[in-house]
Structure formats: C-alpha cells, structure tokens
Amino acid sequence: MSFTFRCVDAATDAPLLHSWMIRPYAAFWGMQSSTVDGVADEYSRIEASGHHHALLGLDDGAPAFLMEEYNPVSSPLAAVYAVVEGDIGMHLLVAPPSGTPQSGYTSAVMDAVLNRLFQHPGVERVVVEPDANNSRIHVLNERLGFQPAGVVTLADKEALLSFCTREDYLAARSTLQNPHHHFSPITQGATL
C-alpha cells in the first residue's frame, strides 16, 4: 500500500464521504443522519475556517480514509485543556473495506497520518478526542503512542482526551515489526 493525501473537495467528495459516514461502524463520527448536501456544507465550512483542514487519504490512488487536522486553540478543546504551541488536533475516518478486511490496515493508515502530521514544521504533539466509549480506537491510539489524559465533556460527547508527542510516536513506531504494513489486529472501518 502506498498512501498519499489530497485536499477534500467538499462538493465533489461529499457523496463518497456521506456513504462512509452513514454506515454503522461510523457512528462515532456523529454524521449518520446527515445528507450529501449536509456533508458538503460541513466540509465547505471546515475549509473556509482557515484553522481546520480535511484531507482524503488515497491508497494507490483509491480513496481510503478521511483525515482532519485542526488547530486546537480554535476548537472546543481550548475550553478543556491548556493548548500549547506545537499542538495539532486530528480526526480520522477509515473507509469501509471494499473486499476482505485487511488485518492491520487501520494501524497502517494511522501511522501514515501521524507521520504526515509530525512532518509539519513546529508540530510536537497530536491531540485526539474520540468518544469515551470508542474502545477500539483507544487501543489503536495507545499502540501508536497516544497517552490518555482523561475524559472531558464536549458539546456532543464525553471524550477521552489523549496526546501523542513526537517522541512517543517514534518510540511506539520503533517497537512495531513493520511500521508501514499490517501490524495490528484492527481492521478497516474504524473511526477516531
């Protein structure tokens, strides 16, 4: 697998993203009752914000995941923790498998996303706030270096605030047998 990234085009990509978001596995994404137009509107707002960006991850050119990167100081997280310079927020939605789910695929996606984020100048720590009940993602996060900081209350959920420093990511990555391929039992169809 070879992952690349491109900016989401809200109008063009909305039907595809909507088809992912309405599936049962994507319940934690919080857009199961959305419409295609609603998805297009949401991603138009994200891009217009200037501090929140959505990228489509491609696997050998085929859409494979959606990632969002954002400045936590301009997000609801600013009210629940002391944002420091070098923090970047991240959301991840992996596409449903097109065939037989590949063991370790979501871990490989997460590795590619974290690698991309840590290549941004000045980024020293990635923050995530998945739903506190999303236990599958908590396992994946910890495997890749995230340290839980506790449950916080956001407008739409109780979230497990977690941080991954560059050092924690590199240490976790070094313990994996093959950081670019199938090293986790978690499969496609996961939500951060």
C-alpha atoms as a PDB file:
ATOM      1  CA  MET A   1       0.000   0.000   0.000  1.00  0.00           C
ATOM      2  CA  SER A   2       1.132   3.497  -0.794  1.00  0.00           C
ATOM      3  CA  PHE A   3      -0.726   6.334   0.923  1.00  0.00           C
ATOM      4  CA  THR A   4      -0.978   9.846  -0.474  1.00  0.00           C
ATOM      5  CA  PHE A   5      -3.118  12.809   0.570  1.00  0.00           C
ATOM      6  CA  ARG A   6      -5.140  15.441  -1.221  1.00  0.00           C
ATOM      7  CA  CYS A   7      -7.448  18.205  -0.038  1.00  0.00           C
ATOM      8  CA  VAL A   8     -11.118  17.304   0.230  1.00  0.00           C
ATOM      9  CA  ASP A   9     -13.262  18.943  -2.438  1.00  0.00           C
ATOM     10  CA  ALA A  10     -16.486  19.435  -0.479  1.00  0.00           C
ATOM     11  CA  ALA A  11     -18.856  19.300  -3.458  1.00  0.00           C
ATOM     12  CA  THR A  12     -17.143  16.512  -5.382  1.00  0.00           C
ATOM     13  CA  ASP A  13     -16.238  14.292  -2.415  1.00  0.00           C
ATOM     14  CA  ALA A  14     -19.468  14.693  -0.421  1.00  0.00           C
ATOM     15  CA  PRO A  15     -21.281  11.667  -1.939  1.00  0.00           C
ATOM     16  CA  LEU A  16     -18.354   9.363  -1.170  1.00  0.00           C
ATOM     17  CA  LEU A  17     -17.812  10.722   2.343  1.00  0.00           C
ATOM     18  CA  HIS A  18     -21.537  10.533   3.055  1.00  0.00           C
ATOM     19  CA  SER A  19     -21.559   6.868   2.012  1.00  0.00           C
ATOM     20  CA  TRP A  20     -18.866   6.194   4.648  1.00  0.00           C
ATOM     21  CA  MET A  21     -20.392   8.338   7.401  1.00  0.00           C
ATOM     22  CA  ILE A  22     -23.846   6.750   7.386  1.00  0.00           C
ATOM     23  CA  ARG A  23     -22.571   3.212   7.977  1.00  0.00           C
ATOM     24  CA  PRO A  24     -22.981   1.671  11.435  1.00  0.00           C
ATOM     25  CA  TYR A  25     -19.223   1.489  12.093  1.00  0.00           C
ATOM     26  CA  ALA A  26     -19.019   5.275  11.666  1.00  0.00           C
ATOM     27  CA  ALA A  27     -21.500   6.025  14.460  1.00  0.00           C
ATOM     28  CA  PHE A  28     -18.814   7.811  16.487  1.00  0.00           C
ATOM     29  CA  TRP A  29     -18.220  10.233  13.586  1.00  0.00           C
ATOM     30  CA  GLY A  30     -21.584  11.762  14.502  1.00  0.00           C
ATOM     31  CA  MET A  31     -22.974  12.267  10.995  1.00  0.00           C
ATOM     32  CA  GLN A  32     -25.121   9.168  10.472  1.00  0.00           C
ATOM     33  CA  SER A  33     -28.270  11.190   9.878  1.00  0.00           C
ATOM     34  CA  SER A  34     -26.535  13.610   7.505  1.00  0.00           C
ATOM     35  CA  THR A  35     -27.409  14.168   3.870  1.00  0.00           C
ATOM     36  CA  VAL A  36     -24.993  14.520   0.981  1.00  0.00           C
ATOM     37  CA  ASP A  37     -25.697  18.259   0.981  1.00  0.00           C
ATOM     38  CA  GLY A  38     -25.104  18.377   4.730  1.00  0.00           C
ATOM     39  CA  VAL A  39     -21.712  16.714   4.293  1.00  0.00           C
ATOM     40  CA  ALA A  40     -20.824  19.157   1.508  1.00  0.00           C
ATOM     41  CA  ASP A  41     -21.835  22.084   3.729  1.00  0.00           C
ATOM     42  CA  GLU A  42     -19.808  20.764   6.684  1.00  0.00           C
ATOM     43  CA  TYR A  43     -16.633  20.332   4.624  1.00  0.00           C
ATOM     44  CA  SER A  44     -17.098  23.714   2.958  1.00  0.00           C
ATOM     45  CA  ARG A  45     -17.261  25.252   6.455  1.00  0.00           C
ATOM     46  CA  ILE A  46     -14.173  23.321   7.552  1.00  0.00           C
ATOM     47  CA  GLU A  47     -12.114  24.567   4.627  1.00  0.00           C
ATOM     48  CA  ALA A  48     -13.364  28.147   5.000  1.00  0.00           C
ATOM     49  CA  SER A  49     -12.342  28.181   8.675  1.00  0.00           C
ATOM     50  CA  GLY A  50      -8.626  28.652   7.950  1.00  0.00           C
ATOM     51  CA  HIS A  51      -7.675  26.560  11.002  1.00  0.00           C
ATOM     52  CA  HIS A  52      -9.292  23.195  10.168  1.00  0.00           C
ATOM     53  CA  HIS A  53      -8.423  21.173   7.054  1.00  0.00           C
ATOM     54  CA  ALA A  54      -9.830  17.965   5.623  1.00  0.00           C
ATOM     55  CA  LEU A  55      -7.736  15.606   3.525  1.00  0.00           C
ATOM     56  CA  LEU A  56      -8.677  12.497   1.636  1.00  0.00           C
ATOM     57  CA  GLY A  57      -6.166   9.697   2.049  1.00  0.00           C
ATOM     58  CA  LEU A  58      -5.575   7.605  -1.035  1.00  0.00           C
ATOM     59  CA  ASP A  59      -4.247   4.041  -1.145  1.00  0.00           C
ATOM     60  CA  ASP A  60      -2.580   3.558  -4.517  1.00  0.00           C
ATOM     61  CA  GLY A  61      -4.850   6.339  -5.801  1.00  0.00           C
ATOM     62  CA  ALA A  62      -8.140   4.985  -4.403  1.00  0.00           C
ATOM     63  CA  PRO A  63      -9.948   6.870  -1.598  1.00  0.00           C
ATOM     64  CA  ALA A  64      -9.186   5.018   1.642  1.00  0.00           C
ATOM     65  CA  PHE A  65      -9.678   7.427   4.552  1.00  0.00           C
ATOM     66  CA  LEU A  66     -10.623  10.916   5.629  1.00  0.00           C
ATOM     67  CA  MET A  67      -8.403  12.842   7.984  1.00  0.00           C
ATOM     68  CA  GLU A  68      -8.912  16.234   9.520  1.00  0.00           C
ATOM     69  CA  GLU A  69      -6.196  18.328  11.073  1.00  0.00           C
ATOM     70  CA  TYR A  70      -7.019  21.394  13.113  1.00  0.00           C
ATOM     71  CA  ASN A  71      -5.615  23.983  15.472  1.00  0.00           C
ATOM     72  CA  PRO A  72      -6.886  23.041  18.948  1.00  0.00           C
ATOM     73  CA  VAL A  73      -6.743  26.646  20.152  1.00  0.00           C
ATOM     74  CA  SER A  74      -9.524  27.445  17.639  1.00  0.00           C
ATOM     75  CA  SER A  75     -11.615  24.416  18.614  1.00  0.00           C
ATOM     76  CA  PRO A  76     -13.832  23.384  21.531  1.00  0.00           C
ATOM     77  CA  LEU A  77     -10.748  21.685  23.034  1.00  0.00           C
ATOM     78  CA  ALA A  78      -9.411  25.089  24.049  1.00  0.00           C
ATOM     79  CA  ALA A  79     -12.034  25.110  26.813  1.00  0.00           C
ATOM     80  CA  VAL A  80     -10.996  21.735  28.270  1.00  0.00           C
ATOM     81  CA  TYR A  81      -7.181  21.720  28.251  1.00  0.00           C
ATOM     82  CA  ALA A  82      -4.286  24.146  28.123  1.00  0.00           C
ATOM     83  CA  VAL A  83      -3.275  24.157  24.461  1.00  0.00           C
ATOM     84  CA  VAL A  84       0.457  24.596  23.971  1.00  0.00           C
ATOM     85  CA  GLU A  85       2.416  25.743  20.953  1.00  0.00           C
ATOM     86  CA  GLY A  86       3.161  22.745  18.737  1.00  0.00           C
ATOM     87  CA  ASP A  87      -0.200  21.009  19.318  1.00  0.00           C
ATOM     88  CA  ILE A  88      -2.284  19.842  16.361  1.00  0.00           C
ATOM     89  CA  GLY A  89      -5.653  18.126  16.515  1.00  0.00           C
ATOM     90  CA  MET A  90      -6.601  15.157  14.359  1.00  0.00           C
ATOM     91  CA  HIS A  91      -9.707  13.191  13.360  1.00  0.00           C
ATOM     92  CA  LEU A  92      -9.653  10.019  11.245  1.00  0.00           C
ATOM     93  CA  LEU A  93     -12.335   8.002   9.461  1.00  0.00           C
ATOM     94  CA  VAL A  94     -11.194   4.924   7.554  1.00  0.00           C
ATOM     95  CA  ALA A  95     -13.265   3.829   4.562  1.00  0.00           C
ATOM     96  CA  PRO A  96     -15.249   0.614   4.773  1.00  0.00           C
ATOM     97  CA  PRO A  97     -13.341  -2.305   3.253  1.00  0.00           C
ATOM     98  CA  SER A  98     -14.028  -2.870  -0.433  1.00  0.00           C
ATOM     99  CA  GLY A  99     -13.344  -6.588  -0.058  1.00  0.00           C
ATOM    100  CA  THR A 100     -11.983  -8.760   2.700  1.00  0.00           C
ATOM    101  CA  PRO A 101     -10.830  -6.520   5.574  1.00  0.00           C
ATOM    102  CA  GLN A 102      -7.043  -6.395   5.858  1.00  0.00           C
ATOM    103  CA  SER A 103      -5.648  -7.006   9.323  1.00  0.00           C
ATOM    104  CA  GLY A 104      -3.543  -4.041  10.403  1.00  0.00           C
ATOM    105  CA  TYR A 105      -4.867  -1.699   7.739  1.00  0.00           C
ATOM    106  CA  THR A 106      -6.187   0.929  10.157  1.00  0.00           C
ATOM    107  CA  SER A 107      -2.882   0.896  12.038  1.00  0.00           C
ATOM    108  CA  ALA A 108      -1.006   1.495   8.791  1.00  0.00           C
ATOM    109  CA  VAL A 109      -3.354   4.378   7.981  1.00  0.00           C
ATOM    110  CA  MET A 110      -2.852   5.879  11.439  1.00  0.00           C
ATOM    111  CA  ASP A 111       0.911   5.558  11.073  1.00  0.00           C
ATOM    112  CA  ALA A 112       0.774   7.410   7.741  1.00  0.00           C
ATOM    113  CA  VAL A 113      -1.412  10.149   9.241  1.00  0.00           C
ATOM    114  CA  LEU A 114       0.829  10.652  12.275  1.00  0.00           C
ATOM    115  CA  ASN A 115       3.924  10.622  10.095  1.00  0.00           C
ATOM    116  CA  ARG A 116       2.357  13.353   7.946  1.00  0.00           C
ATOM    117  CA  LEU A 117       1.351  15.458  10.956  1.00  0.00           C
ATOM    118  CA  PHE A 118       4.797  15.275  12.542  1.00  0.00           C
ATOM    119  CA  GLN A 119       6.343  16.472   9.280  1.00  0.00           C
ATOM    120  CA  HIS A 120       4.561  19.826   9.681  1.00  0.00           C
ATOM    121  CA  PRO A 121       7.037  22.444  10.924  1.00  0.00           C
ATOM    122  CA  GLY A 122       6.533  23.144  14.605  1.00  0.00           C
ATOM    123  CA  VAL A 123       4.244  20.190  15.367  1.00  0.00           C
ATOM    124  CA  GLU A 124       5.380  18.438  18.529  1.00  0.00           C
ATOM    125  CA  ARG A 125       2.179  16.833  19.816  1.00  0.00           C
ATOM    126  CA  VAL A 126      -1.007  15.417  18.277  1.00  0.00           C
ATOM    127  CA  VAL A 127      -4.226  15.625  20.281  1.00  0.00           C
ATOM    128  CA  VAL A 128      -7.291  13.440  19.744  1.00  0.00           C
ATOM    129  CA  GLU A 129     -10.664  13.378  21.485  1.00  0.00           C
ATOM    130  CA  PRO A 130     -12.510  10.228  20.440  1.00  0.00           C
ATOM    131  CA  ASP A 131     -15.751   9.296  22.139  1.00  0.00           C
ATOM    132  CA  ALA A 132     -15.008   7.810  25.557  1.00  0.00           C
ATOM    133  CA  ASN A 133     -16.975   4.692  24.552  1.00  0.00           C
ATOM    134  CA  ASN A 134     -14.966   4.058  21.374  1.00  0.00           C
ATOM    135  CA  SER A 135     -12.739   1.388  22.922  1.00  0.00           C
ATOM    136  CA  ARG A 136     -11.358   0.076  19.612  1.00  0.00           C
ATOM    137  CA  ILE A 137      -9.835   3.430  18.817  1.00  0.00           C
ATOM    138  CA  HIS A 138      -8.392   3.852  22.313  1.00  0.00           C
ATOM    139  CA  VAL A 139      -6.455   0.600  21.793  1.00  0.00           C
ATOM    140  CA  LEU A 140      -5.157   1.771  18.409  1.00  0.00           C
ATOM    141  CA  ASN A 141      -4.230   5.201  19.777  1.00  0.00           C
ATOM    142  CA  GLU A 142      -2.221   3.728  22.636  1.00  0.00           C
ATOM    143  CA  ARG A 143      -0.476   1.290  20.297  1.00  0.00           C
ATOM    144  CA  LEU A 144       0.801   4.237  18.253  1.00  0.00           C
ATOM    145  CA  GLY A 145       1.985   6.290  21.221  1.00  0.00           C
ATOM    146  CA  PHE A 146      -1.028   8.241  22.497  1.00  0.00           C
ATOM    147  CA  GLN A 147      -1.230   8.739  26.259  1.00  0.00           C
ATOM    148  CA  PRO A 148      -4.728   9.191  27.734  1.00  0.00           C
ATOM    149  CA  ALA A 149      -5.136  12.409  29.714  1.00  0.00           C
ATOM    150  CA  GLY A 150      -8.681  11.783  30.977  1.00  0.00           C
ATOM    151  CA  VAL A 151     -12.305  12.111  29.979  1.00  0.00           C
ATOM    152  CA  VAL A 152     -13.518  15.599  29.067  1.00  0.00           C
ATOM    153  CA  THR A 153     -17.005  16.878  28.345  1.00  0.00           C
ATOM    154  CA  LEU A 154     -17.533  18.378  24.895  1.00  0.00           C
ATOM    155  CA  ALA A 155     -20.814  19.676  23.461  1.00  0.00           C
ATOM    156  CA  ASP A 156     -21.520  16.459  21.565  1.00  0.00           C
ATOM    157  CA  LYS A 157     -19.841  13.751  23.661  1.00  0.00           C
ATOM    158  CA  GLU A 158     -17.782  12.587  26.585  1.00  0.00           C
ATOM    159  CA  ALA A 159     -14.331  12.268  25.028  1.00  0.00           C
ATOM    160  CA  LEU A 160     -11.082  10.600  26.024  1.00  0.00           C
ATOM    161  CA  LEU A 161      -8.538  13.365  25.565  1.00  0.00           C
ATOM    162  CA  SER A 162      -5.216  11.821  24.519  1.00  0.00           C
ATOM    163  CA  PHE A 163      -1.856  13.171  23.420  1.00  0.00           C
ATOM    164  CA  CYS A 164       0.942  11.754  21.313  1.00  0.00           C
ATOM    165  CA  THR A 165       4.298  13.506  21.374  1.00  0.00           C
ATOM    166  CA  ARG A 166       6.774  13.090  18.574  1.00  0.00           C
ATOM    167  CA  GLU A 167       8.961  11.057  20.952  1.00  0.00           C
ATOM    168  CA  ASP A 168       6.095   8.752  21.997  1.00  0.00           C
ATOM    169  CA  TYR A 169       5.137   8.187  18.371  1.00  0.00           C
ATOM    170  CA  LEU A 170       8.695   7.347  17.328  1.00  0.00           C
ATOM    171  CA  ALA A 171       9.133   5.032  20.324  1.00  0.00           C
ATOM    172  CA  ALA A 172       5.860   3.221  19.566  1.00  0.00           C
ATOM    173  CA  ARG A 173       6.720   3.010  15.893  1.00  0.00           C
ATOM    174  CA  SER A 174      10.142   1.532  16.626  1.00  0.00           C
ATOM    175  CA  THR A 175       8.571  -1.340  18.568  1.00  0.00           C
ATOM    176  CA  LEU A 176       6.408  -2.348  15.627  1.00  0.00           C
ATOM    177  CA  GLN A 177       7.775  -5.087  13.397  1.00  0.00           C
ATOM    178  CA  ASN A 178       6.914  -3.266  10.188  1.00  0.00           C
ATOM    179  CA  PRO A 179       5.507   0.227  10.728  1.00  0.00           C
ATOM    180  CA  HIS A 180       4.239   0.609   7.180  1.00  0.00           C
ATOM    181  CA  HIS A 181       2.238  -2.575   6.877  1.00  0.00           C
ATOM    182  CA  HIS A 182      -0.018  -4.982   8.732  1.00  0.00           C
ATOM    183  CA  PHE A 183       0.973  -4.835  12.378  1.00  0.00           C
ATOM    184  CA  SER A 184      -2.338  -4.640  14.211  1.00  0.00           C
ATOM    185  CA  PRO A 185      -5.463  -6.746  14.522  1.00  0.00           C
ATOM    186  CA  ILE A 186      -7.634  -3.662  13.995  1.00  0.00           C
ATOM    187  CA  THR A 187      -9.164  -3.686  10.532  1.00  0.00           C
ATOM    188  CA  GLN A 188     -10.682  -1.226   8.108  1.00  0.00           C
ATOM    189  CA  GLY A 189     -13.797   0.540   9.244  1.00  0.00           C
ATOM    190  CA  ALA A 190     -12.649   2.473  12.289  1.00  0.00           C
ATOM    191  CA  THR A 191     -13.373   5.990  13.467  1.00  0.00           C
ATOM    192  CA  LEU A 192     -11.322   8.418  15.516  1.00  0.00           C
END
